[in-house]
Amino acid sequence: MEEKCSCFHKTKERSEEEYKKLINRLNRIEGQIRGIRGMVENDAYCTDILIQVSAVNAALNAFNKELLANHIRTCVADDIRSGKDETIDELVNTLQKLMK
């Protein structure tokens, strides 16, 4: 007997502009991470590495803020207009995870 996955994976179709903005941010973050790796490999001073890690954390937070704002403006607003109130619980749960 074949088992079927009962998983439900939501997807989001993004505008070309939103997609490019998010990918550009991720590419910069990826470059920063590679830079940190290079610093470790080249025995850079600890505080210099920590400052770069702080910059990556700030870049990830900026990415999260942009993605969350887009999510609220589109997915959440559309679901609420459609009467899908469970989306509010999902948003609250997501915010709680982000604020750990």
C-alpha atoms as a PDB file:
ATOM      1  CA  MET A   1       0.000   0.000   0.000  1.00  0.00           C
ATOM      2  CA  GLU A   2       1.394   3.390  -0.986  1.00  0.00           C
ATOM      3  CA  GLU A   3       1.650   5.988   1.760  1.00  0.00           C
ATOM      4  CA  LYS A   4       0.775   9.527   0.877  1.00  0.00           C
ATOM      5  CA  CYS A   5       2.337  12.478   2.594  1.00  0.00           C
ATOM      6  CA  SER A   6      -0.284  14.413   4.477  1.00  0.00           C
ATOM      7  CA  CYS A   7       2.092  17.372   4.739  1.00  0.00           C
ATOM      8  CA  PHE A   8       0.869  20.691   3.468  1.00  0.00           C
ATOM      9  CA  HIS A   9       3.552  23.047   2.268  1.00  0.00           C
ATOM     10  CA  LYS A  10       2.476  26.594   1.632  1.00  0.00           C
ATOM     11  CA  THR A  11       4.172  28.532  -1.116  1.00  0.00           C
ATOM     12  CA  LYS A  12       4.254  32.189  -2.056  1.00  0.00           C
ATOM     13  CA  GLU A  13       4.556  33.615  -5.512  1.00  0.00           C
ATOM     14  CA  ARG A  14       6.665  36.762  -5.224  1.00  0.00           C
ATOM     15  CA  SER A  15       6.855  39.684  -7.586  1.00  0.00           C
ATOM     16  CA  GLU A  16      10.062  39.967  -9.554  1.00  0.00           C
ATOM     17  CA  GLU A  17      11.011  43.076  -7.556  1.00  0.00           C
ATOM     18  CA  GLU A  18      10.445  41.369  -4.180  1.00  0.00           C
ATOM     19  CA  TYR A  19      12.349  38.287  -5.342  1.00  0.00           C
ATOM     20  CA  LYS A  20      15.332  40.349  -6.530  1.00  0.00           C
ATOM     21  CA  LYS A  21      15.457  42.381  -3.306  1.00  0.00           C
ATOM     22  CA  LEU A  22      15.434  39.275  -1.122  1.00  0.00           C
ATOM     23  CA  ILE A  23      17.999  37.415  -3.243  1.00  0.00           C
ATOM     24  CA  ASN A  24      20.297  40.461  -3.301  1.00  0.00           C
ATOM     25  CA  ARG A  25      20.155  40.682   0.492  1.00  0.00           C
ATOM     26  CA  LEU A  26      20.888  36.968   0.812  1.00  0.00           C
ATOM     27  CA  ASN A  27      23.804  37.213  -1.617  1.00  0.00           C
ATOM     28  CA  ARG A  28      25.333  40.016   0.464  1.00  0.00           C
ATOM     29  CA  ILE A  29      24.845  37.992   3.651  1.00  0.00           C
ATOM     30  CA  GLU A  30      26.411  34.960   2.003  1.00  0.00           C
ATOM     31  CA  GLY A  31      29.406  37.100   1.027  1.00  0.00           C
ATOM     32  CA  GLN A  32      29.717  38.365   4.583  1.00  0.00           C
ATOM     33  CA  ILE A  33      29.678  34.784   5.900  1.00  0.00           C
ATOM     34  CA  ARG A  34      32.413  33.795   3.444  1.00  0.00           C
ATOM     35  CA  GLY A  35      34.370  36.820   4.637  1.00  0.00           C
ATOM     36  CA  ILE A  36      34.070  35.691   8.251  1.00  0.00           C
ATOM     37  CA  ARG A  37      35.204  32.218   7.292  1.00  0.00           C
ATOM     38  CA  GLY A  38      38.237  33.758   5.578  1.00  0.00           C
ATOM     39  CA  MET A  39      38.977  35.783   8.702  1.00  0.00           C
ATOM     40  CA  VAL A  40      38.942  32.619  10.829  1.00  0.00           C
ATOM     41  CA  GLU A  41      41.102  30.771   8.295  1.00  0.00           C
ATOM     42  CA  ASN A  42      43.577  33.682   8.308  1.00  0.00           C
ATOM     43  CA  ASP A  43      43.708  33.879  12.111  1.00  0.00           C
ATOM     44  CA  ALA A  44      42.090  37.316  12.335  1.00  0.00           C
ATOM     45  CA  TYR A  45      41.797  38.926  15.743  1.00  0.00           C
ATOM     46  CA  CYS A  46      38.729  37.804  17.709  1.00  0.00           C
ATOM     47  CA  THR A  47      37.114  41.215  18.099  1.00  0.00           C
ATOM     48  CA  ASP A  48      37.416  41.891  14.370  1.00  0.00           C
ATOM     49  CA  ILE A  49      35.549  38.648  13.673  1.00  0.00           C
ATOM     50  CA  LEU A  50      32.919  39.441  16.306  1.00  0.00           C
ATOM     51  CA  ILE A  51      32.249  42.826  14.702  1.00  0.00           C
ATOM     52  CA  GLN A  52      31.705  41.135  11.345  1.00  0.00           C
ATOM     53  CA  VAL A  53      29.391  38.565  12.938  1.00  0.00           C
ATOM     54  CA  SER A  54      27.407  41.442  14.431  1.00  0.00           C
ATOM     55  CA  ALA A  55      27.101  42.961  10.961  1.00  0.00           C
ATOM     56  CA  VAL A  56      25.772  39.638   9.612  1.00  0.00           C
ATOM     57  CA  ASN A  57      23.234  39.473  12.438  1.00  0.00           C
ATOM     58  CA  ALA A  58      22.054  42.981  11.557  1.00  0.00           C
ATOM     59  CA  ALA A  59      21.789  42.000   7.876  1.00  0.00           C
ATOM     60  CA  LEU A  60      19.752  38.890   8.759  1.00  0.00           C
ATOM     61  CA  ASN A  61      17.454  41.000  10.951  1.00  0.00           C
ATOM     62  CA  ALA A  62      16.939  43.442   8.078  1.00  0.00           C
ATOM     63  CA  PHE A  63      16.119  40.495   5.790  1.00  0.00           C
ATOM     64  CA  ASN A  64      13.596  39.178   8.352  1.00  0.00           C
ATOM     65  CA  LYS A  65      11.964  42.610   8.714  1.00  0.00           C
ATOM     66  CA  GLU A  66      11.532  42.976   4.961  1.00  0.00           C
ATOM     67  CA  LEU A  67      10.203  39.430   4.526  1.00  0.00           C
ATOM     68  CA  LEU A  68       7.846  39.776   7.499  1.00  0.00           C
ATOM     69  CA  ALA A  69       6.489  43.114   6.259  1.00  0.00           C
ATOM     70  CA  ASN A  70       5.826  41.608   2.820  1.00  0.00           C
ATOM     71  CA  HIS A  71       4.196  38.581   4.436  1.00  0.00           C
ATOM     72  CA  ILE A  72       1.843  40.713   6.525  1.00  0.00           C
ATOM     73  CA  ARG A  73       0.929  42.982   3.591  1.00  0.00           C
ATOM     74  CA  THR A  74       0.150  40.077   1.278  1.00  0.00           C
ATOM     75  CA  CYS A  75      -0.398  36.610   2.751  1.00  0.00           C
ATOM     76  CA  VAL A  76      -1.790  37.641   6.126  1.00  0.00           C
ATOM     77  CA  ALA A  77      -3.980  40.456   4.785  1.00  0.00           C
ATOM     78  CA  ASP A  78      -5.349  38.242   1.984  1.00  0.00           C
ATOM     79  CA  ASP A  79      -6.105  35.380   4.386  1.00  0.00           C
ATOM     80  CA  ILE A  80      -7.876  37.655   6.867  1.00  0.00           C
ATOM     81  CA  ARG A  81      -9.979  39.145   4.058  1.00  0.00           C
ATOM     82  CA  SER A  82     -10.853  35.559   3.055  1.00  0.00           C
ATOM     83  CA  GLY A  83     -11.957  34.723   6.595  1.00  0.00           C
ATOM     84  CA  LYS A  84      -8.953  32.522   7.418  1.00  0.00           C
ATOM     85  CA  ASP A  85      -8.492  33.694  11.006  1.00  0.00           C
ATOM     86  CA  GLU A  86      -6.046  30.854  11.763  1.00  0.00           C
ATOM     87  CA  THR A  87      -3.477  32.942   9.905  1.00  0.00           C
ATOM     88  CA  ILE A  88      -3.432  35.319  12.874  1.00  0.00           C
ATOM     89  CA  ASP A  89      -2.412  32.456  15.168  1.00  0.00           C
ATOM     90  CA  GLU A  90       0.266  31.449  12.664  1.00  0.00           C
ATOM     91  CA  LEU A  91       1.594  35.029  12.608  1.00  0.00           C
ATOM     92  CA  VAL A  92       1.646  35.254  16.415  1.00  0.00           C
ATOM     93  CA  ASN A  93       3.488  31.923  16.575  1.00  0.00           C
ATOM     94  CA  THR A  94       6.018  33.142  14.001  1.00  0.00           C
ATOM     95  CA  LEU A  95       6.593  36.402  15.880  1.00  0.00           C
ATOM     96  CA  GLN A  96       7.148  34.486  19.123  1.00  0.00           C
ATOM     97  CA  LYS A  97       9.795  32.339  17.415  1.00  0.00           C
ATOM     98  CA  LEU A  98      11.503  35.402  15.944  1.00  0.00           C
ATOM     99  CA  MET A  99      11.660  37.100  19.327  1.00  0.00           C
ATOM    100  CA  LYS A 100      13.441  34.279  21.175  1.00  0.00           C
END
